[in-house]
Amino acid sequence: MFKAIKKAIEKFIGKLAKESEKSFGNEKLDCCTLDRPKSPNK
């Protein structure tokens, strides 16, 4: 029973991680870089 619950939680966390990666990429989340376009001067 606990294995089934653990598997379901791992599956959920995996899906959550993939969606976060799509939205934010692989970079460290930083308040200075969120919602700001990348500047070509940097």
PDB file of N, CA and C in Angstrom:
ATOM      1  N   MET A   1       0.822  -1.188   0.000  1.00  0.00           N
ATOM      2  CA  MET A   1       0.000   0.000   0.000  1.00  0.00           C
ATOM      3  C   MET A   1       0.874   1.263   0.000  1.00  0.00           C
ATOM      4  N   PHE A   2       1.884   1.284   0.860  1.00  0.00           N
ATOM      5  CA  PHE A   2       2.744   2.464   0.924  1.00  0.00           C
ATOM      6  C   PHE A   2       3.569   2.633  -0.352  1.00  0.00           C
ATOM      7  N   LYS A   3       3.901   1.525  -0.987  1.00  0.00           N
ATOM      8  CA  LYS A   3       4.646   1.615  -2.245  1.00  0.00           C
ATOM      9  C   LYS A   3       3.814   2.293  -3.322  1.00  0.00           C
ATOM     10  N   ALA A   4       2.528   2.014  -3.347  1.00  0.00           N
ATOM     11  CA  ALA A   4       1.636   2.634  -4.331  1.00  0.00           C
ATOM     12  C   ALA A   4       1.519   4.136  -4.075  1.00  0.00           C
ATOM     13  N   ILE A   5       1.428   4.520  -2.812  1.00  0.00           N
ATOM     14  CA  ILE A   5       1.345   5.943  -2.463  1.00  0.00           C
ATOM     15  C   ILE A   5       2.653   6.641  -2.824  1.00  0.00           C
ATOM     16  N   LYS A   6       3.768   5.996  -2.506  1.00  0.00           N
ATOM     17  CA  LYS A   6       5.085   6.570  -2.820  1.00  0.00           C
ATOM     18  C   LYS A   6       5.253   6.735  -4.327  1.00  0.00           C
ATOM     19  N   LYS A   7       4.823   5.745  -5.079  1.00  0.00           N
ATOM     20  CA  LYS A   7       4.930   5.806  -6.538  1.00  0.00           C
ATOM     21  C   LYS A   7       4.075   6.937  -7.100  1.00  0.00           C
ATOM     22  N   ALA A   8       2.871   7.116  -6.563  1.00  0.00           N
ATOM     23  CA  ALA A   8       1.992   8.177  -7.025  1.00  0.00           C
ATOM     24  C   ALA A   8       2.591   9.550  -6.723  1.00  0.00           C
ATOM     25  N   ILE A   9       3.176   9.700  -5.538  1.00  0.00           N
ATOM     26  CA  ILE A   9       3.796  10.977  -5.162  1.00  0.00           C
ATOM     27  C   ILE A   9       5.006  11.259  -6.046  1.00  0.00           C
ATOM     28  N   GLU A  10       5.831  10.257  -6.295  1.00  0.00           N
ATOM     29  CA  GLU A  10       7.002  10.432  -7.158  1.00  0.00           C
ATOM     30  C   GLU A  10       6.581  10.821  -8.577  1.00  0.00           C
ATOM     31  N   LYS A  11       5.521  10.211  -9.067  1.00  0.00           N
ATOM     32  CA  LYS A  11       5.012  10.533 -10.404  1.00  0.00           C
ATOM     33  C   LYS A  11       4.533  11.979 -10.455  1.00  0.00           C
ATOM     34  N   PHE A  12       3.805  12.408  -9.424  1.00  0.00           N
ATOM     35  CA  PHE A  12       3.313  13.780  -9.343  1.00  0.00           C
ATOM     36  C   PHE A  12       4.473  14.774  -9.299  1.00  0.00           C
ATOM     37  N   ILE A  13       5.465  14.507  -8.476  1.00  0.00           N
ATOM     38  CA  ILE A  13       6.621  15.405  -8.357  1.00  0.00           C
ATOM     39  C   ILE A  13       7.388  15.463  -9.670  1.00  0.00           C
ATOM     40  N   GLY A  14       7.503  14.346 -10.357  1.00  0.00           N
ATOM     41  CA  GLY A  14       8.165  14.322 -11.656  1.00  0.00           C
ATOM     42  C   GLY A  14       7.448  15.200 -12.676  1.00  0.00           C
ATOM     43  N   LYS A  15       6.121  15.103 -12.713  1.00  0.00           N
ATOM     44  CA  LYS A  15       5.346  15.938 -13.632  1.00  0.00           C
ATOM     45  C   LYS A  15       5.473  17.413 -13.267  1.00  0.00           C
ATOM     46  N   LEU A  16       5.454  17.703 -11.972  1.00  0.00           N
ATOM     47  CA  LEU A  16       5.592  19.074 -11.499  1.00  0.00           C
ATOM     48  C   LEU A  16       6.949  19.649 -11.898  1.00  0.00           C
ATOM     49  N   ALA A  17       7.989  18.848 -11.771  1.00  0.00           N
ATOM     50  CA  ALA A  17       9.331  19.290 -12.142  1.00  0.00           C
ATOM     51  C   ALA A  17       9.428  19.572 -13.641  1.00  0.00           C
ATOM     52  N   LYS A  18       8.830  18.731 -14.456  1.00  0.00           N
ATOM     53  CA  LYS A  18       8.860  18.948 -15.908  1.00  0.00           C
ATOM     54  C   LYS A  18       8.140  20.228 -16.289  1.00  0.00           C
ATOM     55  N   GLU A  19       6.992  20.485 -15.674  1.00  0.00           N
ATOM     56  CA  GLU A  19       6.255  21.713 -15.969  1.00  0.00           C
ATOM     57  C   GLU A  19       7.024  22.955 -15.510  1.00  0.00           C
ATOM     58  N   SER A  20       7.658  22.859 -14.368  1.00  0.00           N
ATOM     59  CA  SER A  20       8.466  23.980 -13.879  1.00  0.00           C
ATOM     60  C   SER A  20       9.641  24.245 -14.818  1.00  0.00           C
ATOM     61  N   GLU A  21      10.243  23.176 -15.319  1.00  0.00           N
ATOM     62  CA  GLU A  21      11.364  23.331 -16.249  1.00  0.00           C
ATOM     63  C   GLU A  21      10.905  23.990 -17.541  1.00  0.00           C
ATOM     64  N   LYS A  22       9.705  23.648 -18.011  1.00  0.00           N
ATOM     65  CA  LYS A  22       9.167  24.284 -19.213  1.00  0.00           C
ATOM     66  C   LYS A  22       8.949  25.778 -18.974  1.00  0.00           C
ATOM     67  N   SER A  23       8.423  26.112 -17.804  1.00  0.00           N
ATOM     68  CA  SER A  23       8.089  27.506 -17.507  1.00  0.00           C
ATOM     69  C   SER A  23       9.307  28.357 -17.197  1.00  0.00           C
ATOM     70  N   PHE A  24      10.240  27.806 -16.430  1.00  0.00           N
ATOM     71  CA  PHE A  24      11.341  28.616 -15.910  1.00  0.00           C
ATOM     72  C   PHE A  24      12.714  28.214 -16.428  1.00  0.00           C
ATOM     73  N   GLY A  25      12.834  27.104 -17.118  1.00  0.00           N
ATOM     74  CA  GLY A  25      14.125  26.640 -17.608  1.00  0.00           C
ATOM     75  C   GLY A  25      14.905  25.952 -16.506  1.00  0.00           C
ATOM     76  N   ASN A  26      16.202  25.736 -16.757  1.00  0.00           N
ATOM     77  CA  ASN A  26      17.054  25.025 -15.808  1.00  0.00           C
ATOM     78  C   ASN A  26      17.815  25.953 -14.885  1.00  0.00           C
ATOM     79  N   GLU A  27      17.634  27.254 -15.046  1.00  0.00           N
ATOM     80  CA  GLU A  27      18.394  28.211 -14.251  1.00  0.00           C
ATOM     81  C   GLU A  27      17.862  28.289 -12.827  1.00  0.00           C
ATOM     82  N   LYS A  28      18.704  28.811 -11.953  1.00  0.00           N
ATOM     83  CA  LYS A  28      18.275  29.073 -10.587  1.00  0.00           C
ATOM     84  C   LYS A  28      17.242  30.195 -10.627  1.00  0.00           C
ATOM     85  N   LEU A  29      16.155  30.035  -9.892  1.00  0.00           N
ATOM     86  CA  LEU A  29      15.125  31.064  -9.871  1.00  0.00           C
ATOM     87  C   LEU A  29      15.612  32.244  -9.032  1.00  0.00           C
ATOM     88  N   ASP A  30      15.546  33.406  -9.627  1.00  0.00           N
ATOM     89  CA  ASP A  30      16.026  34.605  -8.970  1.00  0.00           C
ATOM     90  C   ASP A  30      15.017  35.713  -9.234  1.00  0.00           C
ATOM     91  N   CYS A  31      14.671  36.474  -8.207  1.00  0.00           N
ATOM     92  CA  CYS A  31      13.669  37.526  -8.369  1.00  0.00           C
ATOM     93  C   CYS A  31      14.131  38.589  -9.366  1.00  0.00           C
ATOM     94  N   CYS A  32      15.420  38.718  -9.566  1.00  0.00           N
ATOM     95  CA  CYS A  32      15.942  39.728 -10.494  1.00  0.00           C
ATOM     96  C   CYS A  32      15.810  39.291 -11.955  1.00  0.00           C
ATOM     97  N   THR A  33      15.682  37.987 -12.202  1.00  0.00           N
ATOM     98  CA  THR A  33      15.618  37.506 -13.578  1.00  0.00           C
ATOM     99  C   THR A  33      14.219  37.068 -13.997  1.00  0.00           C
ATOM    100  N   LEU A  34      13.316  36.841 -13.065  1.00  0.00           N
ATOM    101  CA  LEU A  34      11.964  36.408 -13.434  1.00  0.00           C
ATOM    102  C   LEU A  34      11.206  37.553 -14.089  1.00  0.00           C
ATOM    103  N   ASP A  35      10.440  37.253 -15.100  1.00  0.00           N
ATOM    104  CA  ASP A  35       9.573  38.213 -15.804  1.00  0.00           C
ATOM    105  C   ASP A  35      10.337  39.382 -16.401  1.00  0.00           C
ATOM    106  N   ARG A  36      11.604  39.203 -16.688  1.00  0.00           N
ATOM    107  CA  ARG A  36      12.371  40.265 -17.339  1.00  0.00           C
ATOM    108  C   ARG A  36      13.050  39.677 -18.574  1.00  0.00           C
ATOM    109  N   PRO A  37      12.936  40.377 -19.678  1.00  0.00           N
ATOM    110  CA  PRO A  37      13.591  39.871 -20.898  1.00  0.00           C
ATOM    111  C   PRO A  37      15.109  39.939 -20.744  1.00  0.00           C
ATOM    112  N   LYS A  38      15.779  39.005 -21.406  1.00  0.00           N
ATOM    113  CA  LYS A  38      17.248  38.996 -21.377  1.00  0.00           C
ATOM    114  C   LYS A  38      17.765  40.157 -22.203  1.00  0.00           C
ATOM    115  N   SER A  39      18.695  40.888 -21.656  1.00  0.00           N
ATOM    116  CA  SER A  39      19.288  42.019 -22.343  1.00  0.00           C
ATOM    117  C   SER A  39      20.487  41.533 -23.154  1.00  0.00           C
ATOM    118  N   PRO A  40      20.604  41.945 -24.421  1.00  0.00           N
ATOM    119  CA  PRO A  40      21.753  41.524 -25.223  1.00  0.00           C
ATOM    120  C   PRO A  40      23.047  42.215 -24.778  1.00  0.00           C
ATOM    121  N   ASN A  41      22.964  43.263 -23.973  1.00  0.00           N
ATOM    122  CA  ASN A  41      24.144  43.975 -23.521  1.00  0.00           C
ATOM    123  C   ASN A  41      24.877  43.271 -22.382  1.00  0.00           C
ATOM    124  N   LYS A  42      24.243  42.291 -21.761  1.00  0.00           N
ATOM    125  CA  LYS A  42      24.876  41.635 -20.614  1.00  0.00           C
ATOM    126  C   LYS A  42      25.686  40.468 -21.022  1.00  0.00           C
TER     127      LYS A  42
END
